[in-house]
Amino acid sequence: MKLHFPWTGIEQSLEEIKTATAAKPLYGQETGKGLWLVGDQGVYLMPNTTDGKHNRDRKENETLLVVYARECDPTALDFDAWWENKRASFGGDDGVDFLDLKTIEDLTAQPPKPTARPEYLVIDISPEQFSVGVVWRTLQ
């Protein structure tokens, strides 16, 4: 199943990552800075940092920066819709996978046209594997 993550949120996440000084380990392993692909209440991406531009000044009761997949967003879809999409894409269990910063930067380094800008980060995912791509839009 293809999941679409709006680029405006990805941009904020990249700012968070690039301005942070450290990254949290994933399951006890150091990964470096990047995005966590999380499946629990929906499917979302979040920086694995907490001290960058967007997360360092958040209040205690404010959530960390997250970018929901358009297809698995519990803030925008009714329960049955996002839950079925979450199970079809990520599986029934909760979990986290890592997407490194270099992968995202490499995907956007060569736009297909000079006026093209990323619109979505797309993750084609099944419970066993995932691949990452970009949907571009061309500006006039």
N, C-alpha and C. Protein backbone atom coordinates (compact mmCIF):
# COMPACT_ATOMS: atom_id res chain seq x y z
N MET A 1 0.84 -1.18 0.00
CA MET A 1 0.00 0.00 0.00
C MET A 1 0.89 1.24 0.00
N LYS A 2 0.53 2.21 -0.80
CA LYS A 2 1.29 3.46 -0.84
C LYS A 2 0.72 4.45 0.17
N LEU A 3 1.61 4.98 1.00
CA LEU A 3 1.24 5.99 1.99
C LEU A 3 1.87 7.31 1.57
N HIS A 4 1.08 8.39 1.62
CA HIS A 4 1.53 9.72 1.19
C HIS A 4 1.67 10.63 2.40
N PHE A 5 2.88 11.14 2.59
CA PHE A 5 3.17 12.05 3.70
C PHE A 5 3.38 13.45 3.11
N PRO A 6 2.53 14.42 3.48
CA PRO A 6 2.62 15.77 2.89
C PRO A 6 4.01 16.39 3.09
N TRP A 7 4.53 16.95 2.01
CA TRP A 7 5.89 17.47 2.03
C TRP A 7 6.05 18.64 3.01
N THR A 8 5.01 19.43 3.24
CA THR A 8 5.15 20.54 4.19
C THR A 8 5.55 20.01 5.57
N GLY A 9 4.98 18.90 5.98
CA GLY A 9 5.37 18.29 7.25
C GLY A 9 6.75 17.67 7.20
N ILE A 10 7.10 17.08 6.07
CA ILE A 10 8.44 16.51 5.91
C ILE A 10 9.48 17.61 5.99
N GLU A 11 9.19 18.76 5.37
CA GLU A 11 10.12 19.90 5.43
C GLU A 11 10.38 20.33 6.87
N GLN A 12 9.32 20.43 7.66
CA GLN A 12 9.48 20.80 9.07
C GLN A 12 10.30 19.74 9.80
N SER A 13 10.05 18.49 9.50
CA SER A 13 10.80 17.41 10.13
C SER A 13 12.28 17.47 9.76
N LEU A 14 12.58 17.79 8.50
CA LEU A 14 13.97 17.92 8.09
C LEU A 14 14.65 19.09 8.79
N GLU A 15 13.92 20.20 8.97
CA GLU A 15 14.47 21.33 9.74
C GLU A 15 14.79 20.91 11.17
N GLU A 16 13.87 20.14 11.76
CA GLU A 16 14.09 19.64 13.12
C GLU A 16 15.36 18.80 13.18
N ILE A 17 15.49 17.87 12.26
CA ILE A 17 16.64 16.96 12.24
C ILE A 17 17.94 17.73 12.04
N LYS A 18 17.95 18.63 11.07
CA LYS A 18 19.19 19.34 10.73
C LYS A 18 19.63 20.32 11.81
N THR A 19 18.71 20.81 12.63
CA THR A 19 19.07 21.76 13.69
C THR A 19 19.27 21.08 15.04
N ALA A 20 19.07 19.77 15.10
CA ALA A 20 19.23 19.03 16.36
C ALA A 20 20.69 18.65 16.57
N THR A 21 21.04 18.44 17.82
CA THR A 21 22.42 18.06 18.13
C THR A 21 22.59 16.56 18.32
N ALA A 22 21.50 15.85 18.59
CA ALA A 22 21.61 14.42 18.87
C ALA A 22 20.35 13.69 18.41
N ALA A 23 20.50 12.38 18.24
CA ALA A 23 19.37 11.53 17.86
C ALA A 23 19.17 10.46 18.92
N LYS A 24 17.90 10.10 19.11
CA LYS A 24 17.58 9.02 20.05
C LYS A 24 17.87 7.68 19.39
N PRO A 25 18.36 6.71 20.15
CA PRO A 25 18.60 5.37 19.58
C PRO A 25 17.27 4.66 19.31
N LEU A 26 17.31 3.71 18.41
CA LEU A 26 16.14 2.90 18.08
C LEU A 26 16.41 1.48 18.56
N TYR A 27 15.61 1.03 19.51
CA TYR A 27 15.78 -0.30 20.09
C TYR A 27 17.21 -0.51 20.58
N GLY A 28 17.79 0.55 21.19
CA GLY A 28 19.13 0.47 21.76
C GLY A 28 20.26 0.63 20.76
N GLN A 29 19.97 0.84 19.50
CA GLN A 29 21.00 0.98 18.48
C GLN A 29 21.09 2.42 18.00
N GLU A 30 22.30 2.93 17.89
CA GLU A 30 22.52 4.27 17.35
C GLU A 30 22.33 4.23 15.84
N THR A 31 21.49 5.13 15.32
CA THR A 31 21.20 5.16 13.89
C THR A 31 21.66 6.44 13.23
N GLY A 32 21.95 7.45 14.02
CA GLY A 32 22.16 8.77 13.46
C GLY A 32 20.81 9.47 13.33
N LYS A 33 20.83 10.68 12.81
CA LYS A 33 19.59 11.45 12.69
C LYS A 33 18.79 11.01 11.47
N GLY A 34 17.47 11.01 11.63
CA GLY A 34 16.58 10.63 10.54
C GLY A 34 15.14 10.66 10.99
N LEU A 35 14.32 9.91 10.28
CA LEU A 35 12.89 9.84 10.59
C LEU A 35 12.54 8.44 11.07
N TRP A 36 11.66 8.37 12.04
CA TRP A 36 11.07 7.10 12.44
C TRP A 36 9.75 6.95 11.72
N LEU A 37 9.55 5.81 11.10
CA LEU A 37 8.27 5.42 10.53
C LEU A 37 7.57 4.62 11.61
N VAL A 38 6.48 5.18 12.15
CA VAL A 38 5.82 4.61 13.32
C VAL A 38 4.42 4.13 12.93
N GLY A 39 4.10 2.94 13.37
CA GLY A 39 2.75 2.41 13.22
C GLY A 39 2.18 2.16 14.59
N ASP A 40 1.20 2.93 14.99
CA ASP A 40 0.45 2.68 16.23
C ASP A 40 -0.93 3.30 16.06
N GLN A 41 -1.17 4.47 16.58
CA GLN A 41 -2.43 5.19 16.33
C GLN A 41 -2.30 5.88 14.98
N GLY A 42 -2.46 5.12 13.91
CA GLY A 42 -2.20 5.60 12.57
C GLY A 42 -0.79 5.22 12.16
N VAL A 43 -0.34 5.78 11.04
CA VAL A 43 1.04 5.61 10.59
C VAL A 43 1.57 7.01 10.35
N TYR A 44 2.75 7.28 10.91
CA TYR A 44 3.31 8.62 10.80
C TYR A 44 4.83 8.57 10.79
N LEU A 45 5.40 9.66 10.34
CA LEU A 45 6.84 9.88 10.40
C LEU A 45 7.11 10.91 11.48
N MET A 46 8.21 10.73 12.20
CA MET A 46 8.62 11.73 13.18
C MET A 46 10.13 11.76 13.27
N PRO A 47 10.71 12.94 13.47
CA PRO A 47 12.15 13.02 13.66
C PRO A 47 12.56 12.24 14.91
N ASN A 48 13.73 11.63 14.86
CA ASN A 48 14.22 10.93 16.04
C ASN A 48 15.05 11.85 16.94
N THR A 49 14.75 13.13 16.84
CA THR A 49 15.42 14.15 17.64
C THR A 49 14.39 14.90 18.48
N THR A 50 14.85 15.53 19.54
CA THR A 50 13.95 16.32 20.38
C THR A 50 14.49 17.72 20.66
N ASP A 51 15.68 18.01 20.19
CA ASP A 51 16.27 19.31 20.55
C ASP A 51 16.53 20.20 19.35
N GLY A 52 15.85 19.95 18.25
CA GLY A 52 15.98 20.79 17.06
C GLY A 52 14.99 21.94 17.10
N LYS A 53 14.95 22.68 16.02
CA LYS A 53 14.16 23.90 15.88
C LYS A 53 12.70 23.77 16.32
N HIS A 54 12.04 22.68 15.97
CA HIS A 54 10.61 22.56 16.23
C HIS A 54 10.27 21.89 17.56
N ASN A 55 11.11 21.01 18.04
CA ASN A 55 10.78 20.27 19.26
C ASN A 55 11.40 20.85 20.53
N ARG A 56 12.48 21.60 20.43
CA ARG A 56 13.17 22.03 21.65
C ARG A 56 12.34 22.98 22.51
N ASP A 57 11.50 23.80 21.91
CA ASP A 57 10.74 24.79 22.66
C ASP A 57 9.30 24.37 22.94
N ARG A 58 8.96 23.14 22.65
CA ARG A 58 7.58 22.72 22.88
C ARG A 58 7.30 22.65 24.37
N LYS A 59 6.05 22.89 24.72
CA LYS A 59 5.61 22.83 26.11
C LYS A 59 5.45 21.38 26.54
N GLU A 60 5.40 21.15 27.82
CA GLU A 60 5.34 19.80 28.35
C GLU A 60 4.13 19.01 27.84
N ASN A 61 3.00 19.67 27.65
CA ASN A 61 1.79 18.97 27.21
C ASN A 61 1.63 18.94 25.69
N GLU A 62 2.56 19.52 24.95
CA GLU A 62 2.50 19.51 23.49
C GLU A 62 3.19 18.25 22.95
N THR A 63 2.64 17.71 21.88
CA THR A 63 3.22 16.50 21.29
C THR A 63 4.44 16.86 20.44
N LEU A 64 5.27 15.86 20.21
CA LEU A 64 6.40 16.02 19.31
C LEU A 64 5.89 16.18 17.89
N LEU A 65 6.74 16.68 17.02
CA LEU A 65 6.41 16.88 15.62
C LEU A 65 6.18 15.52 14.94
N VAL A 66 5.00 15.33 14.35
CA VAL A 66 4.69 14.11 13.59
C VAL A 66 4.02 14.50 12.28
N VAL A 67 4.20 13.64 11.26
CA VAL A 67 3.57 13.83 9.96
C VAL A 67 2.82 12.54 9.63
N TYR A 68 1.50 12.62 9.70
CA TYR A 68 0.67 11.45 9.41
C TYR A 68 0.61 11.16 7.93
N ALA A 69 0.54 9.87 7.60
CA ALA A 69 0.23 9.46 6.23
C ALA A 69 -1.21 9.87 5.95
N ARG A 70 -1.44 10.41 4.80
CA ARG A 70 -2.78 10.84 4.40
C ARG A 70 -3.80 9.71 4.56
N GLU A 71 -3.39 8.49 4.32
CA GLU A 71 -4.28 7.34 4.36
C GLU A 71 -4.49 6.76 5.77
N CYS A 72 -3.66 7.16 6.73
CA CYS A 72 -3.71 6.57 8.08
C CYS A 72 -3.67 7.65 9.16
N ASP A 73 -4.44 8.69 8.99
CA ASP A 73 -4.41 9.85 9.88
C ASP A 73 -5.63 9.85 10.80
N PRO A 74 -5.45 9.49 12.07
CA PRO A 74 -6.59 9.45 12.99
C PRO A 74 -7.15 10.84 13.31
N THR A 75 -6.43 11.90 12.98
CA THR A 75 -6.95 13.24 13.22
C THR A 75 -7.86 13.71 12.08
N ALA A 76 -7.84 12.99 10.94
CA ALA A 76 -8.62 13.42 9.78
C ALA A 76 -9.60 12.37 9.27
N LEU A 77 -9.40 11.11 9.63
CA LEU A 77 -10.23 10.02 9.12
C LEU A 77 -10.99 9.35 10.26
N ASP A 78 -12.10 8.72 9.93
CA ASP A 78 -12.80 7.97 10.97
C ASP A 78 -12.00 6.71 11.29
N PHE A 79 -12.28 6.14 12.46
CA PHE A 79 -11.49 5.04 12.98
C PHE A 79 -11.37 3.88 12.00
N ASP A 80 -12.49 3.42 11.45
CA ASP A 80 -12.46 2.25 10.57
C ASP A 80 -11.55 2.48 9.35
N ALA A 81 -11.56 3.68 8.80
CA ALA A 81 -10.74 3.97 7.61
C ALA A 81 -9.26 3.92 7.94
N TRP A 82 -8.81 4.68 8.96
CA TRP A 82 -7.37 4.69 9.22
C TRP A 82 -6.90 3.36 9.79
N TRP A 83 -7.73 2.68 10.59
CA TRP A 83 -7.32 1.41 11.19
C TRP A 83 -7.12 0.33 10.13
N GLU A 84 -8.04 0.24 9.16
CA GLU A 84 -7.88 -0.74 8.09
C GLU A 84 -6.63 -0.46 7.26
N ASN A 85 -6.39 0.81 6.96
CA ASN A 85 -5.20 1.18 6.19
C ASN A 85 -3.93 0.92 6.98
N LYS A 86 -3.97 1.16 8.27
CA LYS A 86 -2.80 0.88 9.11
C LYS A 86 -2.49 -0.61 9.09
N ARG A 87 -3.50 -1.44 9.26
CA ARG A 87 -3.30 -2.89 9.27
C ARG A 87 -2.83 -3.40 7.90
N ALA A 88 -3.38 -2.85 6.83
CA ALA A 88 -3.00 -3.28 5.48
C ALA A 88 -1.56 -2.88 5.15
N SER A 89 -1.11 -1.77 5.68
CA SER A 89 0.22 -1.28 5.34
C SER A 89 1.27 -1.72 6.36
N PHE A 90 1.04 -1.46 7.61
CA PHE A 90 2.05 -1.66 8.65
C PHE A 90 1.87 -2.98 9.38
N GLY A 91 0.68 -3.55 9.30
CA GLY A 91 0.37 -4.76 10.06
C GLY A 91 -0.40 -4.41 11.31
N GLY A 92 -0.80 -5.42 12.06
CA GLY A 92 -1.62 -5.20 13.25
C GLY A 92 -0.84 -4.77 14.47
N ASP A 93 0.45 -5.07 14.51
CA ASP A 93 1.26 -4.71 15.67
C ASP A 93 1.81 -3.30 15.54
N ASP A 94 2.12 -2.70 16.68
CA ASP A 94 2.80 -1.41 16.68
C ASP A 94 4.28 -1.65 16.40
N GLY A 95 4.94 -0.63 15.88
CA GLY A 95 6.37 -0.77 15.63
C GLY A 95 6.97 0.49 15.06
N VAL A 96 8.29 0.45 14.90
CA VAL A 96 9.05 1.59 14.39
C VAL A 96 10.12 1.08 13.43
N ASP A 97 10.28 1.77 12.30
CA ASP A 97 11.39 1.55 11.37
C ASP A 97 12.12 2.86 11.19
N PHE A 98 13.34 2.80 10.70
CA PHE A 98 14.18 3.99 10.57
C PHE A 98 14.40 4.34 9.10
N LEU A 99 14.34 5.64 8.81
CA LEU A 99 14.63 6.18 7.49
C LEU A 99 15.70 7.26 7.67
N ASP A 100 16.88 7.03 7.12
CA ASP A 100 17.98 7.96 7.38
C ASP A 100 17.86 9.23 6.55
N LEU A 101 18.45 10.28 7.05
CA LEU A 101 18.39 11.60 6.44
C LEU A 101 18.97 11.58 5.03
N LYS A 102 20.07 10.86 4.81
CA LYS A 102 20.71 10.82 3.50
C LYS A 102 19.77 10.26 2.43
N THR A 103 18.98 9.26 2.76
CA THR A 103 18.04 8.69 1.80
C THR A 103 17.06 9.75 1.31
N ILE A 104 16.52 10.53 2.22
CA ILE A 104 15.56 11.58 1.84
C ILE A 104 16.25 12.66 1.01
N GLU A 105 17.44 13.07 1.44
CA GLU A 105 18.17 14.09 0.69
C GLU A 105 18.51 13.59 -0.72
N ASP A 106 18.91 12.33 -0.85
CA ASP A 106 19.22 11.78 -2.18
C ASP A 106 17.99 11.75 -3.08
N LEU A 107 16.82 11.42 -2.52
CA LEU A 107 15.59 11.36 -3.31
C LEU A 107 15.21 12.72 -3.89
N THR A 108 15.54 13.78 -3.19
CA THR A 108 15.13 15.12 -3.63
C THR A 108 16.27 15.91 -4.27
N ALA A 109 17.44 15.31 -4.41
CA ALA A 109 18.60 16.03 -4.95
C ALA A 109 18.47 16.35 -6.43
N GLN A 110 17.78 15.51 -7.19
CA GLN A 110 17.65 15.69 -8.63
C GLN A 110 16.18 15.76 -9.04
N PRO A 111 15.55 16.94 -8.96
CA PRO A 111 14.16 17.05 -9.41
C PRO A 111 14.04 16.68 -10.89
N PRO A 112 12.90 16.12 -11.30
CA PRO A 112 12.73 15.73 -12.71
C PRO A 112 12.70 16.92 -13.67
N LYS A 113 12.33 18.10 -13.16
CA LYS A 113 12.34 19.33 -13.94
C LYS A 113 12.84 20.45 -13.02
N PRO A 114 13.42 21.50 -13.58
CA PRO A 114 13.92 22.59 -12.73
C PRO A 114 12.85 23.24 -11.86
N THR A 115 11.60 23.23 -12.32
CA THR A 115 10.52 23.87 -11.55
C THR A 115 9.76 22.88 -10.67
N ALA A 116 10.20 21.65 -10.61
CA ALA A 116 9.50 20.63 -9.81
C ALA A 116 9.86 20.77 -8.34
N ARG A 117 8.87 20.58 -7.50
CA ARG A 117 9.03 20.60 -6.04
C ARG A 117 8.35 19.37 -5.46
N PRO A 118 8.91 18.81 -4.38
CA PRO A 118 8.26 17.65 -3.77
C PRO A 118 6.87 18.01 -3.23
N GLU A 119 5.91 17.11 -3.44
CA GLU A 119 4.56 17.28 -2.90
C GLU A 119 4.29 16.28 -1.78
N TYR A 120 4.78 15.05 -1.97
CA TYR A 120 4.62 14.00 -0.96
C TYR A 120 5.87 13.15 -0.90
N LEU A 121 6.22 12.71 0.28
CA LEU A 121 7.12 11.59 0.45
C LEU A 121 6.22 10.37 0.44
N VAL A 122 6.50 9.40 -0.42
CA VAL A 122 5.65 8.23 -0.57
C VAL A 122 6.40 7.00 -0.07
N ILE A 123 5.75 6.26 0.80
CA ILE A 123 6.32 5.01 1.27
C ILE A 123 5.38 3.89 0.83
N ASP A 124 5.91 3.02 -0.01
CA ASP A 124 5.17 1.85 -0.45
C ASP A 124 5.50 0.75 0.55
N ILE A 125 4.50 0.37 1.34
CA ILE A 125 4.78 -0.46 2.51
C ILE A 125 3.85 -1.66 2.59
N SER A 126 4.42 -2.73 3.10
CA SER A 126 3.66 -3.91 3.50
C SER A 126 4.19 -4.29 4.88
N PRO A 127 3.55 -5.19 5.59
CA PRO A 127 4.08 -5.58 6.90
C PRO A 127 5.50 -6.16 6.84
N GLU A 128 5.98 -6.56 5.67
CA GLU A 128 7.31 -7.16 5.55
C GLU A 128 8.41 -6.20 5.08
N GLN A 129 8.07 -5.16 4.30
CA GLN A 129 9.10 -4.31 3.71
C GLN A 129 8.52 -2.96 3.31
N PHE A 130 9.43 -2.01 2.99
CA PHE A 130 8.97 -0.73 2.45
C PHE A 130 10.03 -0.15 1.53
N SER A 131 9.56 0.72 0.61
CA SER A 131 10.44 1.49 -0.25
C SER A 131 9.95 2.93 -0.23
N VAL A 132 10.84 3.84 -0.58
CA VAL A 132 10.56 5.26 -0.43
C VAL A 132 10.73 5.98 -1.76
N GLY A 133 9.84 6.93 -2.04
CA GLY A 133 9.92 7.73 -3.24
C GLY A 133 9.33 9.12 -2.99
N VAL A 134 9.26 9.90 -4.05
CA VAL A 134 8.74 11.27 -3.96
C VAL A 134 7.74 11.49 -5.08
N VAL A 135 6.63 12.14 -4.76
CA VAL A 135 5.69 12.64 -5.77
C VAL A 135 6.05 14.11 -5.98
N TRP A 136 6.31 14.48 -7.21
CA TRP A 136 6.70 15.85 -7.56
C TRP A 136 5.52 16.59 -8.15
N ARG A 137 5.50 17.89 -7.95
CA ARG A 137 4.57 18.76 -8.67
C ARG A 137 5.39 19.83 -9.37
N THR A 138 4.95 20.20 -10.55
CA THR A 138 5.68 21.19 -11.34
C THR A 138 5.02 22.55 -11.17
N LEU A 139 5.82 23.52 -10.81
CA LEU A 139 5.33 24.89 -10.66
C LEU A 139 5.39 25.59 -12.01
N GLN A 140 4.46 26.49 -12.22
CA GLN A 140 4.42 27.25 -13.48
C GLN A 140 5.50 28.31 -13.49
